[in-house]
Amino acid sequence: MLNQQSDILPNKLVDKKAVLVLFHNDLRVDDNATVSKAATLAKKDDGSLLCVYADSLARSIEASNVSQTNESQAYQFDEMGAARAQFLAESLADLDESLQRLGNSLLYLTSRQPSQPNGESTTSTFAQLCQLIERQHVTDICVSDTADYAQNQIYALLQEKYPKITWHSQSTNTLFATLPTEYLPKSFTQFRKKVEATHHLLTAADDVVLSSAPSSLPALPDNLLNEAEDNTLFFKNYQFEQQLSEFKGGAASALTHVNDYFSSDAPSTYKTTRNALDDWTSSTKFSAWLANGSLSVNVLLNRLREYERDIVANDSTYWIWFELLWREYFYWYALTHQQRLFWFKGIAQQPPTTSFDRTRLEQWKTCTTSYPIVNACMKQLLQTGYMSNRGRQIVASCFIHELGLDWRYGATHFEQHLIDYDVASNWGNWQYLAGVGADPRGCRQFNLAKQTQQYDPSGSFIHKWQGDNTDDYVLS
C-alpha cells in the first residue's frame, strides 16, 4: 500500500490540507476505501477535497512530451467506441450525483470538446491535472491500486514531478489486497488450487467487511466553489439520443442488476447457460460495472455467499466464484508482468508466427470475414459494446488462426469498444488464446463450424446480427 510521506508544495505555506482523489477504476462512493481515506484526511484540519476523473490520462502523456508508457501496444485508436463512451459517461454521471449528495462534485478533465464526447482535442488531461494540482496547492493525492501499467506509470510521473505531495493508495478492486500466494503460479489452475487451499472466501461464515461510506464529504476549495457557474472543470452530464446497450452505467444501476440477478433463479443455472451468445439472463453481466469500479467485488461476493446460504449452493454458484477468481488471477498476472502484457511474444520466449495484414484486419473489424459466426459477434460488439465470453473466444481464435494476425491488434480493438474493458482481463485473455500467456497447453484454436453448430444451431444469432450479409462467406 503506497504512502509516500513528504512535505507540501514548495514556495507556499499551506495551513489546510488540499486532498485530491484521482478516480480511475473505482467509480463509486460505497465500499471505496480511497474516498473514505481522502475524506478523513481532509476533515482533520478543515481542509478541502477535490474529486477528479481525468479522461484518457495515460494516453495523454505523449502530448505532454513524456515518453509513451505503452510503447509495445500495436496501435492506438482515435476514439473510444460509442457504447463504451456512453457507459463511461453514465458511470461518471452517477458518481457525480453520489458526490453531490455528500457535499462535493466531480471534476472532469478531458482533452475533448465538452459539447461532444468525441470532439476535437484540446489541452492534454495530464497537463490539466498538473495545472489543477499546482493552482490548488494539493498536499495529498489518494488513488486506488490498479494493475493498469500505463496508469501506474502516470502515478510514478506525478510523484517524480511533485515529490513533496503525500500519496495514499488503497485496495478497492480485488478480492485480496495483496497477492494471495507466495508467488504468481504460471497457470490459473495452480493459482485457483493454492487460493482455495489457504483461503475460504466463498464459504466463510461472516461477510466481507466493507469500507464505510462517509456521511459527508469536505467541500471543494473556495476558489472553485466561487467559480462553479462557469467553471469548465465541473462534470457535465451529456444526454445521449439513444441507449446503445442494455447496460446502463453507474453504481446505482450496478446494484439494481445485482439485486435482480440474485433474486432470480439465474445463479443456480449459470454454468449451463453461460455460453449463450445473445441472452441477457444467461450470464451474470457483472463485468462492465466491475471493470470501471461502479460495482465492488466484495459487495458481489457477499451477495453470492448470501445466495448460497439462503437459496442453493451448486456447481453453477461455484462457477460464479470460479470466474471471479479468473478475474483476480489476471489482475495479479498484469501486475506481475507489467509491460510484457503488451509484448508480441507475451511472457513467452518465442513470438507467434502471426503477422500484420491490413486487408484481413479490416475484414475482421468491419465484420466482413468469410465466417458468419465471427461477423455476427463483431457486429454485436460494434453496436452494443458487448460480446459474450464464448463469442470473444470465437472471434479471437479466428483472428489468430484463420486470419493469422498479430493478436495485439485484436486486443486493442476490444479495448476500444468493450464496455467491460479491463486491461488485465482483456490483454491476459488475448495472450492466453495466442499461446504467449498463461495457458499451459499453448495456442488454442476453435473449430468455427463446430462452434456455430453447438452455439447457434438454428442460425438465429447469425441472422439477428446479419453475420451472413456478405457476398463471400464460408458455411459454418
Protein backbone atom coordinates (compact mmCIF):
# COMPACT_ATOMS: atom_id res chain seq x y z
CA MET A 1 0.00 0.00 0.00
CA LEU A 2 1.57 3.25 -1.14
CA ASN A 3 2.04 6.01 1.42
CA GLN A 4 4.92 8.24 0.36
CA GLN A 5 5.44 10.88 3.05
CA SER A 6 6.76 14.29 2.06
CA ASP A 7 6.28 17.99 2.59
CA ILE A 8 3.82 20.31 0.91
CA LEU A 9 4.42 22.06 -2.40
CA PRO A 10 7.38 24.48 -2.29
CA ASN A 11 7.09 28.27 -2.03
CA LYS A 12 3.66 28.11 -0.47
CA LEU A 13 2.81 27.95 3.19
CA VAL A 14 -0.38 25.89 3.39
CA ASP A 15 -2.32 25.78 6.64
CA LYS A 16 -5.00 23.38 5.47
CA LYS A 17 -4.84 20.17 3.53
CA ALA A 18 -5.99 20.06 -0.08
CA VAL A 19 -6.66 16.40 -0.82
CA LEU A 20 -7.17 15.15 -4.37
CA VAL A 21 -8.88 11.85 -5.21
CA LEU A 22 -7.89 10.65 -8.66
CA PHE A 23 -10.59 8.22 -9.77
CA HIS A 24 -9.71 5.51 -12.27
CA ASN A 25 -11.35 2.10 -11.94
CA ASP A 26 -13.16 2.87 -8.69
CA LEU A 27 -16.18 4.92 -9.83
CA ARG A 28 -18.29 4.61 -6.70
CA VAL A 29 -18.59 6.03 -3.18
CA ASP A 30 -19.81 2.95 -1.29
CA ASP A 31 -17.14 0.44 -0.26
CA ASN A 32 -14.45 2.73 -1.61
CA ALA A 33 -11.55 2.93 0.82
CA THR A 34 -9.89 5.59 -1.33
CA VAL A 35 -12.79 8.01 -0.92
CA SER A 36 -13.02 7.25 2.80
CA LYS A 37 -9.29 7.84 3.26
CA ALA A 38 -9.42 11.13 1.38
CA ALA A 39 -12.40 12.36 3.37
CA THR A 40 -10.69 11.51 6.65
CA LEU A 41 -7.51 13.31 5.64
CA ALA A 42 -9.30 16.46 4.52
CA LYS A 43 -11.54 16.60 7.60
CA LYS A 44 -8.62 16.51 10.03
CA ASP A 45 -7.85 20.21 9.76
CA ASP A 46 -10.92 21.52 7.93
CA GLY A 47 -9.26 21.01 4.56
CA SER A 48 -10.72 20.76 1.09
CA LEU A 49 -11.36 17.78 -1.19
CA LEU A 50 -11.03 17.59 -4.97
CA CYS A 51 -12.64 14.55 -6.63
CA VAL A 52 -11.17 14.21 -10.11
CA TYR A 53 -11.63 11.97 -13.12
CA ALA A 54 -9.06 12.55 -15.87
CA ASP A 55 -10.23 11.13 -19.17
CA SER A 56 -7.64 9.21 -21.25
CA LEU A 57 -4.95 10.27 -18.80
CA ALA A 58 -2.44 7.60 -19.72
CA ARG A 59 -2.86 8.26 -23.46
CA SER A 60 -2.39 12.00 -22.99
CA ILE A 61 1.16 11.97 -21.67
CA GLU A 62 2.66 11.81 -25.17
CA ALA A 63 1.20 15.27 -25.74
CA SER A 64 2.96 16.40 -22.57
CA ASN A 65 6.38 15.48 -24.02
CA VAL A 66 6.61 12.42 -21.83
CA SER A 67 7.68 9.10 -23.32
CA GLN A 68 4.80 6.84 -24.22
CA THR A 69 4.19 4.33 -21.44
CA ASN A 70 2.60 1.64 -23.56
CA GLU A 71 5.06 1.69 -26.45
CA SER A 72 4.60 -2.01 -27.16
CA GLN A 73 0.89 -1.68 -27.89
CA ALA A 74 0.35 -2.48 -31.56
CA TYR A 75 -1.67 0.58 -32.48
CA GLN A 76 -3.66 3.41 -30.96
CA PHE A 77 -7.29 4.24 -31.63
CA ASP A 78 -8.55 7.79 -32.04
CA GLU A 79 -11.94 7.46 -30.39
CA MET A 80 -13.46 5.22 -27.78
CA GLY A 81 -16.33 3.15 -29.17
CA ALA A 82 -19.75 4.81 -28.88
CA ALA A 83 -21.24 2.25 -26.49
CA ARG A 84 -18.20 2.25 -24.23
CA ALA A 85 -18.14 6.06 -24.19
CA GLN A 86 -21.82 6.12 -23.24
CA PHE A 87 -21.37 3.60 -20.45
CA LEU A 88 -18.46 5.58 -19.03
CA ALA A 89 -20.39 8.85 -19.22
CA GLU A 90 -23.33 7.27 -17.38
CA SER A 91 -20.97 5.91 -14.73
CA LEU A 92 -19.42 9.33 -14.19
CA ALA A 93 -22.83 10.99 -14.01
CA ASP A 94 -23.87 8.54 -11.30
CA LEU A 95 -20.61 9.16 -9.42
CA ASP A 96 -21.15 12.92 -9.64
CA GLU A 97 -24.66 12.56 -8.21
CA SER A 98 -23.31 10.47 -5.32
CA LEU A 99 -20.63 13.05 -4.57
CA GLN A 100 -23.12 15.92 -4.71
CA ARG A 101 -25.37 14.17 -2.19
CA LEU A 102 -22.38 14.18 0.18
CA GLY A 103 -21.49 17.82 -0.41
CA ASN A 104 -18.91 17.67 -3.19
CA SER A 105 -18.82 17.40 -7.01
CA LEU A 106 -16.87 15.58 -9.68
CA LEU A 107 -14.19 17.49 -11.57
CA TYR A 108 -13.78 16.17 -15.09
CA LEU A 109 -10.59 16.69 -17.06
CA THR A 110 -10.83 15.91 -20.74
CA SER A 111 -8.96 16.69 -23.92
CA ARG A 112 -12.27 16.63 -25.81
CA GLN A 113 -14.66 19.46 -26.50
CA PRO A 114 -17.32 19.43 -23.76
CA SER A 115 -20.21 19.52 -26.24
CA GLN A 116 -19.34 16.12 -27.70
CA PRO A 117 -17.82 13.05 -26.00
CA ASN A 118 -15.57 12.52 -29.04
CA GLY A 119 -14.96 16.14 -30.01
CA GLU A 120 -11.70 17.70 -31.16
CA SER A 121 -8.66 17.53 -28.88
CA THR A 122 -7.63 20.47 -26.71
CA THR A 123 -5.10 20.59 -23.84
CA SER A 124 -3.98 17.16 -22.67
CA THR A 125 -5.53 15.82 -19.49
CA PHE A 126 -2.11 15.27 -17.96
CA ALA A 127 -1.29 18.97 -18.40
CA GLN A 128 -4.70 19.94 -16.99
CA LEU A 129 -4.16 17.70 -13.97
CA CYS A 130 -0.76 19.26 -13.31
CA GLN A 131 -2.29 22.74 -13.52
CA LEU A 132 -5.02 21.79 -11.07
CA ILE A 133 -2.52 20.31 -8.61
CA GLU A 134 -0.39 23.45 -8.71
CA ARG A 135 -3.19 26.03 -8.60
CA GLN A 136 -4.95 24.31 -5.70
CA HIS A 137 -1.69 23.59 -3.83
CA VAL A 138 -2.61 19.94 -3.39
CA THR A 139 -0.97 18.36 -0.34
CA ASP A 140 -2.23 14.76 -0.68
CA ILE A 141 -3.27 12.54 -3.56
CA CYS A 142 -5.39 9.42 -3.00
CA VAL A 143 -5.66 6.65 -5.60
CA SER A 144 -6.85 3.07 -5.76
CA ASP A 145 -4.47 0.23 -6.52
CA THR A 146 -4.55 -0.79 -10.17
CA ALA A 147 -2.93 -3.36 -12.44
CA ASP A 148 -3.04 -0.87 -15.33
CA TYR A 149 0.63 -0.48 -16.26
CA ALA A 150 0.15 2.83 -18.08
CA GLN A 151 -1.87 4.32 -15.21
CA ASN A 152 0.81 3.29 -12.72
CA GLN A 153 3.39 4.98 -14.94
CA ILE A 154 1.32 8.17 -14.69
CA TYR A 155 1.32 7.91 -10.90
CA ALA A 156 5.09 7.48 -10.93
CA LEU A 157 5.49 10.55 -13.17
CA LEU A 158 3.33 12.64 -10.87
CA GLN A 159 5.28 11.52 -7.82
CA GLU A 160 8.50 12.44 -9.56
CA LYS A 161 7.13 15.82 -10.64
CA TYR A 162 5.66 16.61 -7.20
CA PRO A 163 7.90 14.87 -4.65
CA LYS A 164 6.52 16.92 -1.75
CA ILE A 165 2.96 15.65 -2.12
CA THR A 166 1.92 12.74 0.10
CA TRP A 167 0.49 9.76 -1.79
CA HIS A 168 -2.05 7.26 -0.42
CA SER A 169 -3.10 4.09 -2.23
CA GLN A 170 -5.91 1.74 -1.19
CA SER A 171 -7.13 -1.63 -2.40
CA THR A 172 -10.66 -1.26 -3.82
CA ASN A 173 -10.82 -3.52 -6.87
CA THR A 174 -9.81 -7.05 -5.88
CA LEU A 175 -10.68 -9.91 -3.57
CA PHE A 176 -7.23 -9.72 -1.99
CA ALA A 177 -5.30 -6.56 -1.09
CA THR A 178 -2.02 -8.34 -1.81
CA LEU A 179 -1.07 -11.36 -3.92
CA PRO A 180 -2.69 -14.27 -2.03
CA THR A 181 0.05 -16.73 -2.95
CA GLU A 182 3.80 -16.66 -2.28
CA TYR A 183 4.39 -16.10 -5.99
CA LEU A 184 2.16 -15.96 -9.05
CA PRO A 185 1.71 -19.50 -10.44
CA LYS A 186 2.23 -19.99 -14.17
CA SER A 187 -1.35 -21.16 -14.73
CA PHE A 188 -4.78 -20.22 -13.43
CA THR A 189 -5.46 -23.78 -12.25
CA GLN A 190 -2.41 -23.68 -10.00
CA PHE A 191 -3.45 -20.27 -8.71
CA ARG A 192 -7.02 -21.40 -8.01
CA LYS A 193 -5.91 -24.52 -6.12
CA LYS A 194 -3.46 -22.56 -3.97
CA VAL A 195 -6.04 -19.89 -3.16
CA GLU A 196 -8.80 -22.35 -2.34
CA ALA A 197 -6.45 -24.41 -0.15
CA THR A 198 -5.48 -21.46 2.01
CA HIS A 199 -8.41 -19.03 1.78
CA HIS A 200 -12.10 -19.73 2.21
CA LEU A 201 -13.71 -16.57 0.94
CA LEU A 202 -16.71 -18.26 -0.65
CA THR A 203 -17.65 -20.43 2.33
CA ALA A 204 -16.70 -18.12 5.19
CA ALA A 205 -19.37 -17.67 7.84
CA ASP A 206 -19.05 -13.90 8.04
CA ASP A 207 -19.45 -11.41 5.20
CA VAL A 208 -16.52 -9.48 3.87
CA VAL A 209 -16.26 -6.24 5.84
CA LEU A 210 -16.96 -3.32 3.55
CA SER A 211 -15.41 0.12 3.74
CA SER A 212 -17.86 2.53 5.33
CA ALA A 213 -19.02 5.33 3.09
CA PRO A 214 -18.56 8.80 4.63
CA SER A 215 -21.75 10.50 5.76
CA SER A 216 -20.50 13.72 4.20
CA LEU A 217 -17.50 14.96 2.26
CA PRO A 218 -15.34 18.05 2.79
CA ALA A 219 -16.13 20.80 0.33
CA LEU A 220 -14.21 21.83 -2.76
CA PRO A 221 -11.70 24.67 -2.40
CA ASP A 222 -13.39 28.06 -2.05
CA ASN A 223 -11.96 29.41 -5.29
CA LEU A 224 -13.54 26.57 -7.26
CA LEU A 225 -16.88 26.96 -5.49
CA ASN A 226 -16.92 30.68 -6.24
CA GLU A 227 -16.43 29.92 -9.94
CA ALA A 228 -18.84 26.99 -10.08
CA GLU A 229 -21.31 28.54 -12.51
CA ASP A 230 -18.85 28.95 -15.35
CA ASN A 231 -16.04 26.58 -14.34
CA THR A 232 -15.40 24.10 -17.14
CA LEU A 233 -13.76 21.68 -14.70
CA PHE A 234 -17.11 20.51 -13.33
CA PHE A 235 -18.55 17.35 -14.82
CA LYS A 236 -21.49 17.98 -17.13
CA ASN A 237 -23.88 15.17 -17.89
CA TYR A 238 -24.10 14.53 -21.63
CA GLN A 239 -27.56 13.50 -22.87
CA PHE A 240 -27.38 10.66 -25.41
CA GLU A 241 -30.03 10.33 -28.09
CA GLN A 242 -30.45 6.59 -27.57
CA GLN A 243 -29.38 3.82 -25.23
CA LEU A 244 -26.87 1.76 -27.21
CA SER A 245 -26.69 -1.14 -24.80
CA GLU A 246 -28.78 -2.98 -22.24
CA PHE A 247 -26.13 -1.97 -19.75
CA LYS A 248 -26.56 1.39 -18.02
CA GLY A 249 -23.50 2.76 -16.30
CA GLY A 250 -23.22 3.75 -12.67
CA ALA A 251 -23.22 2.30 -9.17
CA ALA A 252 -27.00 2.60 -8.81
CA SER A 253 -27.61 0.54 -11.95
CA ALA A 254 -24.97 -1.95 -10.84
CA LEU A 255 -26.66 -2.58 -7.50
CA THR A 256 -30.06 -2.85 -9.18
CA HIS A 257 -28.69 -5.51 -11.52
CA VAL A 258 -27.02 -7.41 -8.67
CA ASN A 259 -30.27 -7.43 -6.70
CA ASP A 260 -32.31 -8.51 -9.73
CA TYR A 261 -29.86 -11.26 -10.63
CA PHE A 262 -29.69 -12.80 -7.18
CA SER A 263 -33.46 -12.50 -6.79
CA SER A 264 -33.86 -14.84 -9.77
CA ASP A 265 -33.02 -18.48 -10.49
CA ALA A 266 -30.23 -17.47 -12.86
CA PRO A 267 -27.34 -18.07 -10.42
CA SER A 268 -28.43 -21.68 -9.92
CA THR A 269 -28.18 -22.43 -13.66
CA TYR A 270 -25.26 -20.19 -14.62
CA LYS A 271 -22.83 -22.96 -15.52
CA THR A 272 -25.22 -24.50 -18.05
CA THR A 273 -26.31 -21.21 -19.66
CA ARG A 274 -23.16 -19.06 -19.56
CA ASN A 275 -22.04 -19.88 -23.13
CA ALA A 276 -25.14 -18.46 -24.81
CA LEU A 277 -24.20 -15.90 -27.45
CA ASP A 278 -27.03 -13.43 -27.01
CA ASP A 279 -29.25 -13.66 -23.94
CA TRP A 280 -29.31 -11.23 -21.01
CA THR A 281 -30.01 -13.78 -18.27
CA SER A 282 -27.64 -16.50 -19.49
CA SER A 283 -24.59 -14.99 -17.80
CA THR A 284 -24.06 -12.69 -14.83
CA LYS A 285 -23.31 -9.48 -16.81
CA PHE A 286 -21.40 -8.09 -13.82
CA SER A 287 -18.22 -7.46 -15.81
CA ALA A 288 -18.93 -3.94 -17.09
CA TRP A 289 -19.62 -2.50 -13.65
CA LEU A 290 -16.71 -4.40 -12.10
CA ALA A 291 -14.34 -3.13 -14.79
CA ASN A 292 -14.73 0.56 -14.01
CA GLY A 293 -15.35 0.04 -10.32
CA SER A 294 -19.00 1.04 -10.23
CA LEU A 295 -19.52 -2.31 -8.52
CA SER A 296 -17.43 -3.56 -5.62
CA VAL A 297 -16.26 -7.15 -5.96
CA ASN A 298 -16.71 -7.53 -2.20
CA VAL A 299 -20.36 -6.47 -2.42
CA LEU A 300 -20.78 -9.05 -5.16
CA LEU A 301 -19.06 -11.77 -3.15
CA ASN A 302 -21.29 -11.09 -0.14
CA ARG A 303 -24.41 -11.45 -2.31
CA LEU A 304 -23.10 -14.70 -3.77
CA ARG A 305 -22.47 -16.04 -0.26
CA GLU A 306 -25.98 -15.00 0.76
CA TYR A 307 -27.47 -16.81 -2.23
CA GLU A 308 -25.56 -19.99 -1.38
CA ARG A 309 -26.64 -19.79 2.28
CA ASP A 310 -30.29 -18.95 1.69
CA ILE A 311 -31.18 -20.41 -1.71
CA VAL A 312 -28.81 -23.02 -3.10
CA ALA A 313 -25.12 -23.80 -3.43
CA ASN A 314 -24.32 -25.88 -6.50
CA ASP A 315 -21.90 -26.14 -9.43
CA SER A 316 -23.38 -23.03 -11.03
CA THR A 317 -22.98 -20.78 -8.00
CA TYR A 318 -19.45 -22.12 -7.55
CA TRP A 319 -18.75 -21.24 -11.18
CA ILE A 320 -19.56 -17.59 -10.49
CA TRP A 321 -16.85 -17.72 -7.84
CA PHE A 322 -14.62 -19.51 -10.36
CA GLU A 323 -14.99 -16.60 -12.79
CA LEU A 324 -14.23 -14.08 -10.04
CA LEU A 325 -11.01 -16.00 -9.38
CA TRP A 326 -10.13 -15.77 -13.10
CA ARG A 327 -10.55 -12.00 -12.84
CA GLU A 328 -8.37 -11.98 -9.74
CA TYR A 329 -5.68 -14.08 -11.43
CA PHE A 330 -5.44 -11.76 -14.41
CA TYR A 331 -5.15 -8.74 -12.09
CA TRP A 332 -2.05 -10.19 -10.40
CA TYR A 333 -0.83 -11.52 -13.75
CA ALA A 334 -0.87 -7.98 -15.20
CA LEU A 335 0.72 -6.50 -12.09
CA THR A 336 3.46 -9.14 -12.16
CA HIS A 337 4.32 -8.96 -15.86
CA GLN A 338 3.68 -5.22 -16.35
CA GLN A 339 4.72 -4.06 -19.86
CA ARG A 340 5.13 -7.66 -21.03
CA LEU A 341 1.34 -7.79 -21.05
CA PHE A 342 1.58 -5.85 -24.34
CA TRP A 343 4.55 -7.58 -25.94
CA PHE A 344 4.02 -9.54 -29.16
CA LYS A 345 5.75 -12.55 -27.59
CA GLY A 346 3.86 -12.02 -24.34
CA ILE A 347 5.50 -13.69 -21.38
CA ALA A 348 6.75 -16.48 -23.63
CA GLN A 349 10.26 -16.79 -25.04
CA GLN A 350 9.23 -17.22 -28.67
CA PRO A 351 6.99 -14.85 -30.66
CA PRO A 352 4.00 -16.33 -32.52
CA THR A 353 4.09 -16.87 -36.27
CA THR A 354 1.26 -14.42 -36.97
CA SER A 355 1.81 -11.04 -38.63
CA PHE A 356 0.14 -7.81 -39.69
CA ASP A 357 -2.10 -7.69 -42.76
CA ARG A 358 -4.23 -4.57 -43.16
CA THR A 359 -6.80 -6.16 -45.50
CA ARG A 360 -7.55 -9.11 -43.22
CA LEU A 361 -7.55 -6.85 -40.17
CA GLU A 362 -10.13 -4.53 -41.76
CA GLN A 363 -12.30 -7.50 -42.71
CA TRP A 364 -12.35 -8.63 -39.10
CA LYS A 365 -13.01 -5.13 -37.74
CA THR A 366 -15.74 -4.34 -40.28
CA CYS A 367 -17.50 -7.72 -39.90
CA THR A 368 -16.81 -8.85 -43.47
CA THR A 369 -14.78 -12.01 -42.97
CA SER A 370 -15.67 -15.33 -44.58
CA TYR A 371 -17.14 -16.59 -41.31
CA PRO A 372 -20.76 -15.64 -40.47
CA ILE A 373 -20.46 -16.50 -36.77
CA VAL A 374 -17.48 -14.17 -36.47
CA ASN A 375 -19.20 -11.37 -38.39
CA ALA A 376 -22.29 -11.65 -36.19
CA CYS A 377 -20.27 -11.43 -32.98
CA MET A 378 -18.29 -8.46 -34.27
CA LYS A 379 -21.45 -6.59 -35.29
CA GLN A 380 -22.86 -7.22 -31.85
CA LEU A 381 -19.70 -5.68 -30.36
CA LEU A 382 -19.78 -2.59 -32.58
CA GLN A 383 -23.45 -1.90 -31.92
CA THR A 384 -23.70 -2.71 -28.21
CA GLY A 385 -20.16 -2.66 -26.83
CA TYR A 386 -20.63 -6.17 -25.55
CA MET A 387 -19.90 -9.72 -26.64
CA SER A 388 -20.36 -12.97 -24.73
CA ASN A 389 -17.32 -14.79 -23.40
CA ARG A 390 -17.92 -17.56 -25.92
CA GLY A 391 -18.15 -15.02 -28.73
CA ARG A 392 -14.86 -13.44 -27.67
CA GLN A 393 -13.11 -16.79 -27.82
CA ILE A 394 -14.56 -17.49 -31.26
CA VAL A 395 -13.57 -14.18 -32.84
CA ALA A 396 -10.13 -14.18 -31.20
CA SER A 397 -9.42 -17.71 -32.40
CA CYS A 398 -10.41 -16.71 -35.93
CA PHE A 399 -8.27 -13.59 -35.70
CA ILE A 400 -5.17 -15.54 -34.68
CA HIS A 401 -5.56 -18.77 -36.65
CA GLU A 402 -7.82 -18.35 -39.69
CA LEU A 403 -6.64 -14.80 -40.37
CA GLY A 404 -3.11 -15.21 -39.00
CA LEU A 405 -2.98 -11.74 -37.45
CA ASP A 406 -0.89 -10.16 -34.70
CA TRP A 407 -3.03 -10.69 -31.58
CA ARG A 408 -2.28 -7.22 -30.20
CA TYR A 409 -4.41 -5.56 -32.90
CA GLY A 410 -7.37 -7.64 -31.79
CA ALA A 411 -6.77 -6.81 -28.13
CA THR A 412 -6.64 -3.09 -28.91
CA HIS A 413 -9.86 -3.25 -30.93
CA PHE A 414 -11.55 -4.85 -27.93
CA GLU A 415 -10.09 -2.10 -25.73
CA GLN A 416 -11.66 0.48 -27.99
CA HIS A 417 -15.18 -0.97 -27.94
CA LEU A 418 -15.86 -3.22 -24.95
CA ILE A 419 -17.90 -1.55 -22.22
CA ASP A 420 -16.39 -4.04 -19.78
CA TYR A 421 -12.82 -3.40 -20.92
CA ASP A 422 -10.37 -4.30 -18.20
CA VAL A 423 -6.69 -4.05 -19.07
CA ALA A 424 -5.69 -7.20 -17.18
CA SER A 425 -8.52 -9.50 -18.29
CA ASN A 426 -8.51 -8.27 -21.89
CA TRP A 427 -4.80 -8.47 -22.61
CA GLY A 428 -4.32 -11.53 -20.43
CA ASN A 429 -7.04 -13.43 -22.26
CA TRP A 430 -5.68 -12.45 -25.68
CA GLN A 431 -2.22 -13.67 -24.66
CA TYR A 432 -3.82 -16.87 -23.40
CA LEU A 433 -5.52 -17.58 -26.73
CA ALA A 434 -2.47 -16.54 -28.76
CA GLY A 435 -0.31 -19.05 -26.93
CA VAL A 436 2.02 -16.45 -25.41
CA GLY A 437 0.40 -16.22 -21.98
CA ALA A 438 -0.76 -18.31 -19.07
CA ASP A 439 -2.18 -21.30 -20.99
CA PRO A 440 -0.07 -24.41 -20.24
CA ARG A 441 -1.45 -26.11 -23.37
CA GLY A 442 -0.19 -23.38 -25.67
CA CYS A 443 -2.11 -21.84 -28.55
CA ARG A 444 -5.82 -22.77 -28.69
CA GLN A 445 -7.80 -22.92 -31.91
CA PHE A 446 -11.58 -23.23 -32.05
CA ASN A 447 -13.28 -25.07 -34.88
CA LEU A 448 -15.62 -22.37 -36.20
CA ALA A 449 -18.02 -24.80 -37.87
CA LYS A 450 -18.33 -26.82 -34.66
CA GLN A 451 -18.76 -23.67 -32.56
CA THR A 452 -21.54 -22.48 -34.86
CA GLN A 453 -23.32 -25.83 -34.76
CA GLN A 454 -23.08 -26.00 -30.96
CA TYR A 455 -23.96 -22.44 -30.01
CA ASP A 456 -26.11 -21.22 -32.92
CA PRO A 457 -27.63 -24.39 -34.41
CA SER A 458 -30.71 -22.61 -35.78
CA GLY A 459 -28.69 -19.70 -37.16
CA SER A 460 -30.85 -17.23 -35.22
CA PHE A 461 -27.89 -15.35 -33.78
CA ILE A 462 -26.21 -15.03 -37.18
CA HIS A 463 -29.50 -13.92 -38.73
CA LYS A 464 -30.22 -11.35 -36.00
CA TRP A 465 -26.82 -9.69 -36.38
CA GLN A 466 -26.65 -10.23 -40.17
CA GLY A 467 -23.45 -12.18 -39.96
CA ASP A 468 -24.04 -13.78 -43.36
CA ASN A 469 -24.76 -10.46 -45.08
CA THR A 470 -21.72 -10.71 -47.35
CA ASP A 471 -21.09 -11.88 -50.88
CA ASP A 472 -18.44 -14.38 -49.90
CA TYR A 473 -18.65 -16.48 -46.76
CA VAL A 474 -17.87 -19.96 -45.53
CA LEU A 475 -20.87 -22.04 -44.48
CA SER A 476 -20.36 -22.98 -40.86
